[in-house]
Amino acid sequence: MDVYPLIASFFHRHIESTSLAVDDVAEMAGMAADIASNAILSEKKLFSIGLGADAASAIMLASLLQNGILRERPSLPVLELAEHRIDSAQTGINWVSQQLQALGQSGDVGIIFAANLSESEIERIQMITEQRQIIPVWFGKGGRGLSLISVDDSVESRLTLNHAIAICLARLIETNTFGPVED
């Protein structure tokens, strides 16, 4: 089987959807980075949240913030609420809700990768963030508050875009927190 056409098609769709999203992503990622950086500098908690396929973006964001992307620097505090091995979506949402209920406080920020979440799952997380007064920032699909909702209906495209956003967001948060990188 010749896989080249499938791979080429995937990359062309990814490049096209990413290119079309740049204007929306730039403004949204900038605002999200400002909110996340302010939370970190104000000693509030930053949660990186993703379940199922969305866990990869949440894990990447947390790892890049903890380990750095542009330079050697101290680790940035981020709580990773990401799980891809949970048996059902309902179990995953219950787990995230319990963690946010136990750990979340007013002024904390939740970066929520929601490309693969249903509307009811989004509503459940939204309810907990409102109860605990956590500032939600949504990527892929979204609830109330700051959200970047992908115009592409393909979950594959939303997941791919969220992965790129995680890298971009980590870089912006690092730059906001430690200043620009000097050449």
N, C-alpha and C. Protein backbone atom coordinates (compact mmCIF):
# COMPACT_ATOMS: atom_id res chain seq x y z
N MET A 1 0.85 -1.18 0.00
CA MET A 1 0.00 0.00 0.00
C MET A 1 0.89 1.24 0.00
N ASP A 2 0.58 2.16 -0.89
CA ASP A 2 1.31 3.42 -0.97
C ASP A 2 0.65 4.42 0.00
N VAL A 3 1.34 4.75 1.09
CA VAL A 3 0.79 5.65 2.11
C VAL A 3 1.09 7.11 1.82
N TYR A 4 1.93 7.36 0.86
CA TYR A 4 2.32 8.74 0.57
C TYR A 4 1.11 9.66 0.36
N PRO A 5 0.11 9.29 -0.45
CA PRO A 5 -1.04 10.19 -0.64
C PRO A 5 -1.79 10.49 0.66
N LEU A 6 -1.91 9.50 1.53
CA LEU A 6 -2.60 9.74 2.81
C LEU A 6 -1.81 10.71 3.69
N ILE A 7 -0.50 10.50 3.74
CA ILE A 7 0.36 11.37 4.55
C ILE A 7 0.38 12.78 3.97
N ALA A 8 0.53 12.88 2.67
CA ALA A 8 0.55 14.20 2.02
C ALA A 8 -0.77 14.93 2.25
N SER A 9 -1.88 14.21 2.13
CA SER A 9 -3.19 14.83 2.35
C SER A 9 -3.32 15.34 3.78
N PHE A 10 -2.87 14.54 4.75
CA PHE A 10 -2.93 14.96 6.15
C PHE A 10 -2.14 16.25 6.35
N PHE A 11 -0.90 16.29 5.87
CA PHE A 11 -0.06 17.47 6.08
C PHE A 11 -0.60 18.69 5.33
N HIS A 12 -1.13 18.51 4.15
CA HIS A 12 -1.72 19.65 3.41
C HIS A 12 -2.92 20.21 4.15
N ARG A 13 -3.79 19.32 4.67
CA ARG A 13 -4.95 19.78 5.45
C ARG A 13 -4.49 20.50 6.71
N HIS A 14 -3.48 19.94 7.39
CA HIS A 14 -2.97 20.54 8.62
C HIS A 14 -2.38 21.93 8.35
N ILE A 15 -1.55 22.03 7.33
CA ILE A 15 -0.93 23.32 6.99
C ILE A 15 -2.00 24.33 6.61
N GLU A 16 -2.98 23.93 5.83
CA GLU A 16 -4.04 24.84 5.42
C GLU A 16 -4.87 25.31 6.61
N SER A 17 -5.29 24.38 7.47
CA SER A 17 -6.12 24.78 8.61
C SER A 17 -5.32 25.64 9.59
N THR A 18 -4.04 25.34 9.77
CA THR A 18 -3.20 26.15 10.66
C THR A 18 -3.01 27.55 10.07
N SER A 19 -2.77 27.63 8.78
CA SER A 19 -2.59 28.93 8.13
C SER A 19 -3.84 29.79 8.24
N LEU A 20 -5.00 29.17 8.06
CA LEU A 20 -6.25 29.91 8.13
C LEU A 20 -6.57 30.36 9.55
N ALA A 21 -6.03 29.66 10.54
CA ALA A 21 -6.34 29.97 11.94
C ALA A 21 -5.38 30.98 12.56
N VAL A 22 -4.33 31.37 11.86
CA VAL A 22 -3.29 32.21 12.45
C VAL A 22 -3.84 33.50 13.05
N ASP A 23 -4.70 34.20 12.35
CA ASP A 23 -5.23 35.46 12.87
C ASP A 23 -5.97 35.26 14.19
N ASP A 24 -6.83 34.26 14.23
CA ASP A 24 -7.56 33.98 15.47
C ASP A 24 -6.65 33.46 16.56
N VAL A 25 -5.74 32.58 16.20
CA VAL A 25 -4.82 31.98 17.17
C VAL A 25 -3.90 33.03 17.78
N ALA A 26 -3.39 33.94 16.98
CA ALA A 26 -2.43 34.93 17.48
C ALA A 26 -3.04 35.77 18.59
N GLU A 27 -4.21 36.30 18.36
CA GLU A 27 -4.86 37.14 19.39
C GLU A 27 -5.21 36.32 20.62
N MET A 28 -5.81 35.17 20.40
CA MET A 28 -6.24 34.31 21.50
C MET A 28 -5.05 33.80 22.31
N ALA A 29 -4.02 33.32 21.64
CA ALA A 29 -2.84 32.80 22.34
C ALA A 29 -2.15 33.91 23.13
N GLY A 30 -2.11 35.11 22.58
CA GLY A 30 -1.53 36.24 23.31
C GLY A 30 -2.30 36.54 24.58
N MET A 31 -3.63 36.57 24.48
CA MET A 31 -4.45 36.81 25.68
C MET A 31 -4.29 35.67 26.69
N ALA A 32 -4.29 34.43 26.19
CA ALA A 32 -4.15 33.27 27.08
C ALA A 32 -2.80 33.30 27.79
N ALA A 33 -1.74 33.65 27.06
CA ALA A 33 -0.40 33.72 27.67
C ALA A 33 -0.34 34.80 28.73
N ASP A 34 -0.98 35.94 28.48
CA ASP A 34 -1.02 37.01 29.48
C ASP A 34 -1.73 36.54 30.75
N ILE A 35 -2.87 35.89 30.58
CA ILE A 35 -3.64 35.40 31.72
C ILE A 35 -2.84 34.36 32.50
N ALA A 36 -2.22 33.41 31.78
CA ALA A 36 -1.44 32.36 32.43
C ALA A 36 -0.21 32.93 33.13
N SER A 37 0.49 33.84 32.48
CA SER A 37 1.68 34.45 33.08
C SER A 37 1.33 35.23 34.34
N ASN A 38 0.23 35.98 34.27
CA ASN A 38 -0.21 36.74 35.45
C ASN A 38 -0.56 35.81 36.61
N ALA A 39 -1.18 34.67 36.29
CA ALA A 39 -1.51 33.71 37.34
C ALA A 39 -0.23 33.18 37.99
N ILE A 40 0.74 32.81 37.18
CA ILE A 40 2.01 32.29 37.70
C ILE A 40 2.71 33.34 38.56
N LEU A 41 2.79 34.57 38.06
CA LEU A 41 3.48 35.63 38.79
C LEU A 41 2.73 36.06 40.04
N SER A 42 1.41 35.80 40.08
CA SER A 42 0.59 36.14 41.25
C SER A 42 0.47 34.95 42.20
N GLU A 43 1.27 33.91 41.94
CA GLU A 43 1.28 32.70 42.76
C GLU A 43 -0.07 31.99 42.78
N LYS A 44 -0.78 32.06 41.68
CA LYS A 44 -2.01 31.29 41.48
C LYS A 44 -1.63 30.01 40.75
N LYS A 45 -2.55 29.06 40.72
CA LYS A 45 -2.27 27.80 40.04
C LYS A 45 -2.64 27.90 38.57
N LEU A 46 -1.86 27.20 37.75
CA LEU A 46 -2.12 27.05 36.34
C LEU A 46 -2.35 25.57 36.08
N PHE A 47 -3.53 25.23 35.57
CA PHE A 47 -3.88 23.85 35.25
C PHE A 47 -3.78 23.66 33.74
N SER A 48 -3.20 22.55 33.32
CA SER A 48 -3.18 22.16 31.91
C SER A 48 -4.05 20.91 31.81
N ILE A 49 -5.21 21.04 31.14
CA ILE A 49 -6.25 20.02 31.20
C ILE A 49 -6.51 19.42 29.83
N GLY A 50 -6.53 18.08 29.77
CA GLY A 50 -6.87 17.39 28.54
C GLY A 50 -7.17 15.93 28.81
N LEU A 51 -8.24 15.42 28.23
CA LEU A 51 -8.63 14.02 28.40
C LEU A 51 -8.66 13.32 27.06
N GLY A 52 -8.38 12.03 27.09
CA GLY A 52 -8.38 11.26 25.85
C GLY A 52 -7.31 11.79 24.91
N ALA A 53 -7.69 11.99 23.66
CA ALA A 53 -6.74 12.49 22.66
C ALA A 53 -6.23 13.90 23.00
N ASP A 54 -7.02 14.67 23.74
CA ASP A 54 -6.61 16.02 24.14
C ASP A 54 -5.50 15.99 25.19
N ALA A 55 -5.27 14.84 25.82
CA ALA A 55 -4.23 14.74 26.85
C ALA A 55 -2.85 15.08 26.29
N ALA A 56 -2.60 14.74 25.03
CA ALA A 56 -1.27 14.99 24.45
C ALA A 56 -0.92 16.48 24.48
N SER A 57 -1.87 17.34 24.14
CA SER A 57 -1.60 18.79 24.16
C SER A 57 -1.40 19.29 25.58
N ALA A 58 -2.21 18.79 26.52
CA ALA A 58 -2.09 19.22 27.92
C ALA A 58 -0.75 18.77 28.50
N ILE A 59 -0.35 17.55 28.19
CA ILE A 59 0.93 17.03 28.68
C ILE A 59 2.09 17.84 28.09
N MET A 60 1.99 18.13 26.79
CA MET A 60 3.06 18.89 26.14
C MET A 60 3.19 20.28 26.76
N LEU A 61 2.08 20.98 26.95
CA LEU A 61 2.14 22.32 27.55
C LEU A 61 2.79 22.25 28.93
N ALA A 62 2.35 21.33 29.76
CA ALA A 62 2.91 21.21 31.11
C ALA A 62 4.41 20.90 31.06
N SER A 63 4.79 19.98 30.21
CA SER A 63 6.20 19.60 30.10
C SER A 63 7.07 20.77 29.64
N LEU A 64 6.61 21.50 28.64
CA LEU A 64 7.38 22.63 28.14
C LEU A 64 7.49 23.74 29.18
N LEU A 65 6.44 23.95 29.96
CA LEU A 65 6.50 24.97 31.00
C LEU A 65 7.42 24.53 32.14
N GLN A 66 7.43 23.25 32.43
CA GLN A 66 8.28 22.76 33.50
C GLN A 66 9.74 22.68 33.08
N ASN A 67 9.99 22.31 31.83
CA ASN A 67 11.36 22.05 31.38
C ASN A 67 11.97 23.15 30.52
N GLY A 68 11.17 24.08 30.05
CA GLY A 68 11.68 25.16 29.22
C GLY A 68 11.64 24.82 27.75
N ILE A 69 11.56 25.86 26.95
CA ILE A 69 11.52 25.68 25.50
C ILE A 69 12.57 26.55 24.83
N LEU A 70 12.83 27.73 25.35
CA LEU A 70 13.73 28.67 24.69
C LEU A 70 15.11 28.76 25.33
N ARG A 71 15.20 28.45 26.61
CA ARG A 71 16.45 28.70 27.34
C ARG A 71 16.42 27.92 28.65
N GLU A 72 17.56 27.88 29.30
CA GLU A 72 17.60 27.31 30.64
C GLU A 72 16.99 28.33 31.58
N ARG A 73 16.11 27.84 32.43
CA ARG A 73 15.42 28.71 33.37
C ARG A 73 14.76 27.85 34.43
N PRO A 74 14.29 28.48 35.51
CA PRO A 74 13.58 27.70 36.52
C PRO A 74 12.28 27.12 35.94
N SER A 75 11.86 26.02 36.51
CA SER A 75 10.61 25.40 36.10
C SER A 75 9.43 26.30 36.46
N LEU A 76 8.46 26.39 35.56
CA LEU A 76 7.25 27.14 35.85
C LEU A 76 6.21 26.19 36.46
N PRO A 77 5.49 26.65 37.47
CA PRO A 77 4.53 25.78 38.14
C PRO A 77 3.27 25.58 37.29
N VAL A 78 2.97 24.35 37.00
CA VAL A 78 1.76 24.00 36.26
C VAL A 78 1.30 22.64 36.75
N LEU A 79 0.00 22.50 36.97
CA LEU A 79 -0.57 21.23 37.38
C LEU A 79 -1.19 20.58 36.16
N GLU A 80 -0.71 19.42 35.83
CA GLU A 80 -1.19 18.68 34.67
C GLU A 80 -2.37 17.80 35.07
N LEU A 81 -3.52 18.06 34.48
CA LEU A 81 -4.69 17.22 34.66
C LEU A 81 -4.98 16.60 33.30
N ALA A 82 -4.21 15.58 32.99
CA ALA A 82 -4.31 14.96 31.67
C ALA A 82 -4.30 13.45 31.85
N GLU A 83 -5.19 12.79 31.13
CA GLU A 83 -5.27 11.34 31.22
C GLU A 83 -5.85 10.80 29.93
N HIS A 84 -5.15 9.83 29.36
CA HIS A 84 -5.65 9.22 28.14
C HIS A 84 -6.06 7.77 28.33
N ARG A 85 -5.84 7.22 29.51
CA ARG A 85 -6.15 5.81 29.75
C ARG A 85 -7.45 5.60 30.51
N ILE A 86 -8.21 6.61 30.76
CA ILE A 86 -9.46 6.46 31.50
C ILE A 86 -10.47 5.73 30.62
N ASP A 87 -11.19 4.81 31.23
CA ASP A 87 -12.11 3.93 30.50
C ASP A 87 -13.22 4.67 29.76
N SER A 88 -13.81 5.67 30.39
CA SER A 88 -14.93 6.37 29.75
C SER A 88 -14.77 7.87 29.91
N ALA A 89 -15.41 8.58 29.00
CA ALA A 89 -15.37 10.05 29.07
C ALA A 89 -15.96 10.53 30.39
N GLN A 90 -17.02 9.91 30.84
CA GLN A 90 -17.67 10.32 32.08
C GLN A 90 -16.72 10.16 33.27
N THR A 91 -15.97 9.06 33.30
CA THR A 91 -14.99 8.85 34.37
C THR A 91 -13.92 9.93 34.33
N GLY A 92 -13.46 10.28 33.13
CA GLY A 92 -12.45 11.32 32.98
C GLY A 92 -12.95 12.68 33.45
N ILE A 93 -14.17 13.02 33.05
CA ILE A 93 -14.74 14.31 33.47
C ILE A 93 -14.93 14.33 34.98
N ASN A 94 -15.36 13.21 35.56
CA ASN A 94 -15.50 13.14 37.02
C ASN A 94 -14.15 13.37 37.70
N TRP A 95 -13.10 12.74 37.17
CA TRP A 95 -11.76 12.88 37.75
C TRP A 95 -11.28 14.33 37.67
N VAL A 96 -11.39 14.95 36.49
CA VAL A 96 -10.97 16.35 36.35
C VAL A 96 -11.79 17.25 37.27
N SER A 97 -13.09 17.02 37.32
CA SER A 97 -13.96 17.84 38.18
C SER A 97 -13.55 17.71 39.65
N GLN A 98 -13.25 16.49 40.09
CA GLN A 98 -12.82 16.28 41.48
C GLN A 98 -11.50 17.00 41.76
N GLN A 99 -10.56 16.93 40.81
CA GLN A 99 -9.27 17.59 40.99
C GLN A 99 -9.43 19.11 41.06
N LEU A 100 -10.25 19.65 40.17
CA LEU A 100 -10.48 21.10 40.19
C LEU A 100 -11.22 21.52 41.45
N GLN A 101 -12.16 20.70 41.89
CA GLN A 101 -12.91 21.00 43.12
C GLN A 101 -11.97 21.01 44.31
N ALA A 102 -11.04 20.06 44.36
CA ALA A 102 -10.13 19.94 45.49
C ALA A 102 -9.01 20.98 45.47
N LEU A 103 -8.50 21.29 44.28
CA LEU A 103 -7.30 22.13 44.18
C LEU A 103 -7.56 23.57 43.74
N GLY A 104 -8.65 23.80 43.03
CA GLY A 104 -8.90 25.10 42.43
C GLY A 104 -9.32 26.16 43.43
N GLN A 105 -8.80 27.36 43.19
CA GLN A 105 -9.15 28.51 44.02
C GLN A 105 -9.39 29.71 43.11
N SER A 106 -10.03 30.70 43.65
CA SER A 106 -10.33 31.91 42.90
C SER A 106 -9.06 32.50 42.29
N GLY A 107 -9.11 32.79 41.00
CA GLY A 107 -7.98 33.40 40.31
C GLY A 107 -7.05 32.40 39.65
N ASP A 108 -7.20 31.10 39.93
CA ASP A 108 -6.41 30.09 39.22
C ASP A 108 -6.86 30.08 37.76
N VAL A 109 -6.03 29.53 36.89
CA VAL A 109 -6.31 29.50 35.45
C VAL A 109 -6.28 28.05 34.97
N GLY A 110 -7.25 27.70 34.16
CA GLY A 110 -7.29 26.38 33.54
C GLY A 110 -7.16 26.50 32.03
N ILE A 111 -6.08 25.97 31.47
CA ILE A 111 -5.93 25.88 30.02
C ILE A 111 -6.55 24.53 29.65
N ILE A 112 -7.66 24.57 28.93
CA ILE A 112 -8.44 23.37 28.67
C ILE A 112 -8.41 23.04 27.19
N PHE A 113 -7.81 21.90 26.87
CA PHE A 113 -7.77 21.42 25.49
C PHE A 113 -9.03 20.56 25.31
N ALA A 114 -9.95 21.03 24.49
CA ALA A 114 -11.29 20.44 24.41
C ALA A 114 -11.68 20.01 23.01
N ALA A 115 -10.72 19.71 22.16
CA ALA A 115 -11.03 19.35 20.78
C ALA A 115 -11.91 18.13 20.67
N ASN A 116 -11.80 17.26 21.65
CA ASN A 116 -12.49 15.97 21.59
C ASN A 116 -13.61 15.85 22.62
N LEU A 117 -13.96 16.93 23.30
CA LEU A 117 -14.99 16.87 24.33
C LEU A 117 -16.37 17.14 23.75
N SER A 118 -17.37 16.51 24.34
CA SER A 118 -18.76 16.76 23.94
C SER A 118 -19.26 18.03 24.63
N GLU A 119 -20.40 18.50 24.20
CA GLU A 119 -20.99 19.70 24.81
C GLU A 119 -21.30 19.48 26.28
N SER A 120 -21.80 18.30 26.64
CA SER A 120 -22.12 18.03 28.05
C SER A 120 -20.85 17.96 28.90
N GLU A 121 -19.77 17.44 28.34
CA GLU A 121 -18.50 17.38 29.06
C GLU A 121 -17.93 18.79 29.27
N ILE A 122 -18.06 19.62 28.25
CA ILE A 122 -17.62 21.02 28.36
C ILE A 122 -18.44 21.73 29.43
N GLU A 123 -19.75 21.52 29.43
CA GLU A 123 -20.62 22.15 30.43
C GLU A 123 -20.23 21.73 31.84
N ARG A 124 -19.87 20.48 32.01
CA ARG A 124 -19.49 19.97 33.34
C ARG A 124 -18.22 20.66 33.83
N ILE A 125 -17.22 20.77 32.98
CA ILE A 125 -15.99 21.46 33.37
C ILE A 125 -16.27 22.94 33.60
N GLN A 126 -17.10 23.54 32.74
CA GLN A 126 -17.47 24.95 32.89
C GLN A 126 -18.11 25.19 34.26
N MET A 127 -19.00 24.29 34.67
CA MET A 127 -19.69 24.44 35.96
C MET A 127 -18.68 24.45 37.12
N ILE A 128 -17.71 23.54 37.08
CA ILE A 128 -16.70 23.48 38.15
C ILE A 128 -15.83 24.73 38.15
N THR A 129 -15.42 25.20 36.96
CA THR A 129 -14.58 26.40 36.92
C THR A 129 -15.33 27.60 37.47
N GLU A 130 -16.62 27.67 37.20
CA GLU A 130 -17.42 28.78 37.75
C GLU A 130 -17.56 28.66 39.26
N GLN A 131 -17.82 27.45 39.75
CA GLN A 131 -17.97 27.24 41.19
C GLN A 131 -16.69 27.61 41.94
N ARG A 132 -15.54 27.23 41.40
CA ARG A 132 -14.26 27.47 42.07
C ARG A 132 -13.63 28.79 41.65
N GLN A 133 -14.28 29.53 40.77
CA GLN A 133 -13.81 30.81 40.25
C GLN A 133 -12.43 30.68 39.59
N ILE A 134 -12.30 29.59 38.82
CA ILE A 134 -11.11 29.36 38.01
C ILE A 134 -11.35 30.01 36.66
N ILE A 135 -10.35 30.69 36.14
CA ILE A 135 -10.48 31.34 34.83
C ILE A 135 -10.21 30.29 33.75
N PRO A 136 -11.24 29.95 32.95
CA PRO A 136 -11.03 28.94 31.91
C PRO A 136 -10.54 29.57 30.60
N VAL A 137 -9.63 28.87 29.94
CA VAL A 137 -9.17 29.25 28.60
C VAL A 137 -9.32 27.98 27.76
N TRP A 138 -10.19 28.03 26.77
CA TRP A 138 -10.57 26.85 25.99
C TRP A 138 -9.91 26.84 24.62
N PHE A 139 -9.45 25.65 24.20
CA PHE A 139 -8.90 25.47 22.86
C PHE A 139 -9.57 24.27 22.19
N GLY A 140 -10.01 24.45 20.95
CA GLY A 140 -10.63 23.39 20.17
C GLY A 140 -12.13 23.52 20.12
N LYS A 141 -12.76 23.46 21.27
CA LYS A 141 -14.16 23.77 21.49
C LYS A 141 -14.15 24.57 22.78
N GLY A 142 -15.27 25.18 23.12
CA GLY A 142 -15.18 25.97 24.32
C GLY A 142 -16.47 26.24 25.03
N GLY A 143 -16.29 26.63 26.28
CA GLY A 143 -17.37 27.09 27.12
C GLY A 143 -17.33 28.60 27.20
N ARG A 144 -17.93 29.11 28.25
CA ARG A 144 -17.92 30.56 28.45
C ARG A 144 -16.52 31.02 28.83
N GLY A 145 -16.22 32.23 28.45
CA GLY A 145 -14.90 32.78 28.74
C GLY A 145 -14.06 32.81 27.48
N LEU A 146 -12.79 32.92 27.66
CA LEU A 146 -11.84 33.00 26.56
C LEU A 146 -11.77 31.65 25.86
N SER A 147 -12.12 31.62 24.57
CA SER A 147 -12.08 30.34 23.87
C SER A 147 -11.76 30.53 22.40
N LEU A 148 -10.98 29.58 21.90
CA LEU A 148 -10.66 29.51 20.48
C LEU A 148 -11.36 28.27 19.95
N ILE A 149 -12.42 28.50 19.22
CA ILE A 149 -13.20 27.41 18.67
C ILE A 149 -12.79 27.24 17.22
N SER A 150 -12.30 26.06 16.92
CA SER A 150 -11.83 25.76 15.58
C SER A 150 -12.99 25.76 14.60
N VAL A 151 -12.78 26.39 13.45
CA VAL A 151 -13.83 26.40 12.41
C VAL A 151 -13.87 25.09 11.66
N ASP A 152 -12.82 24.29 11.78
CA ASP A 152 -12.75 23.00 11.11
C ASP A 152 -13.53 21.97 11.93
N ASP A 153 -14.45 21.26 11.29
CA ASP A 153 -15.25 20.27 11.99
C ASP A 153 -14.50 18.97 12.27
N SER A 154 -13.35 18.79 11.66
CA SER A 154 -12.58 17.57 11.82
C SER A 154 -11.87 17.53 13.17
N VAL A 155 -12.14 16.51 13.96
CA VAL A 155 -11.47 16.38 15.25
C VAL A 155 -9.96 16.22 15.03
N GLU A 156 -9.59 15.58 13.94
CA GLU A 156 -8.17 15.42 13.61
C GLU A 156 -7.50 16.79 13.45
N SER A 157 -8.15 17.70 12.76
CA SER A 157 -7.59 19.05 12.57
C SER A 157 -7.56 19.83 13.87
N ARG A 158 -8.62 19.70 14.69
CA ARG A 158 -8.65 20.41 15.98
C ARG A 158 -7.54 19.91 16.90
N LEU A 159 -7.33 18.60 16.93
CA LEU A 159 -6.27 18.04 17.77
C LEU A 159 -4.89 18.50 17.31
N THR A 160 -4.67 18.50 16.01
CA THR A 160 -3.38 18.92 15.46
C THR A 160 -3.13 20.39 15.76
N LEU A 161 -4.15 21.22 15.58
CA LEU A 161 -4.01 22.65 15.87
C LEU A 161 -3.74 22.86 17.36
N ASN A 162 -4.43 22.13 18.23
CA ASN A 162 -4.21 22.28 19.67
C ASN A 162 -2.78 21.92 20.06
N HIS A 163 -2.23 20.93 19.39
CA HIS A 163 -0.85 20.54 19.68
C HIS A 163 0.11 21.70 19.35
N ALA A 164 -0.10 22.31 18.19
CA ALA A 164 0.72 23.47 17.80
C ALA A 164 0.50 24.64 18.76
N ILE A 165 -0.74 24.84 19.19
CA ILE A 165 -1.05 25.93 20.13
C ILE A 165 -0.34 25.69 21.46
N ALA A 166 -0.27 24.45 21.91
CA ALA A 166 0.41 24.15 23.18
C ALA A 166 1.87 24.60 23.13
N ILE A 167 2.54 24.33 22.02
CA ILE A 167 3.94 24.74 21.87
C ILE A 167 4.04 26.27 21.84
N CYS A 168 3.19 26.89 21.05
CA CYS A 168 3.19 28.35 20.94
C CYS A 168 2.88 29.01 22.29
N LEU A 169 1.89 28.49 22.98
CA LEU A 169 1.50 29.04 24.27
C LEU A 169 2.63 28.92 25.29
N ALA A 170 3.31 27.78 25.30
CA ALA A 170 4.45 27.61 26.22
C ALA A 170 5.52 28.65 25.94
N ARG A 171 5.80 28.87 24.68
CA ARG A 171 6.81 29.87 24.32
C ARG A 171 6.39 31.27 24.75
N LEU A 172 5.12 31.62 24.52
CA LEU A 172 4.63 32.95 24.91
C LEU A 172 4.64 33.13 26.43
N ILE A 173 4.21 32.11 27.16
CA ILE A 173 4.21 32.20 28.63
C ILE A 173 5.63 32.36 29.14
N GLU A 174 6.56 31.60 28.58
CA GLU A 174 7.96 31.71 28.99
C GLU A 174 8.50 33.12 28.71
N THR A 175 8.20 33.65 27.55
CA THR A 175 8.66 34.99 27.19
C THR A 175 8.02 36.04 28.10
N ASN A 176 6.72 35.91 28.38
CA ASN A 176 6.05 36.84 29.28
C ASN A 176 6.62 36.80 30.69
N THR A 177 7.00 35.62 31.13
CA THR A 177 7.44 35.44 32.50
C THR A 177 8.92 35.82 32.70
N PHE A 178 9.75 35.48 31.73
CA PHE A 178 11.19 35.70 31.87
C PHE A 178 11.76 36.77 30.95
N GLY A 179 10.94 37.35 30.09
CA GLY A 179 11.40 38.35 29.17
C GLY A 179 11.83 37.74 27.85
N PRO A 180 12.09 38.59 26.85
CA PRO A 180 12.48 38.08 25.53
C PRO A 180 13.84 37.38 25.57
N VAL A 181 14.01 36.47 24.65
CA VAL A 181 15.28 35.76 24.54
C VAL A 181 16.27 36.67 23.81
N GLU A 182 17.45 36.78 24.37
CA GLU A 182 18.48 37.60 23.74
C GLU A 182 19.30 36.71 22.82
N ASP A 183 19.59 37.19 21.63
CA ASP A 183 20.39 36.41 20.67
C ASP A 183 21.85 36.49 20.98
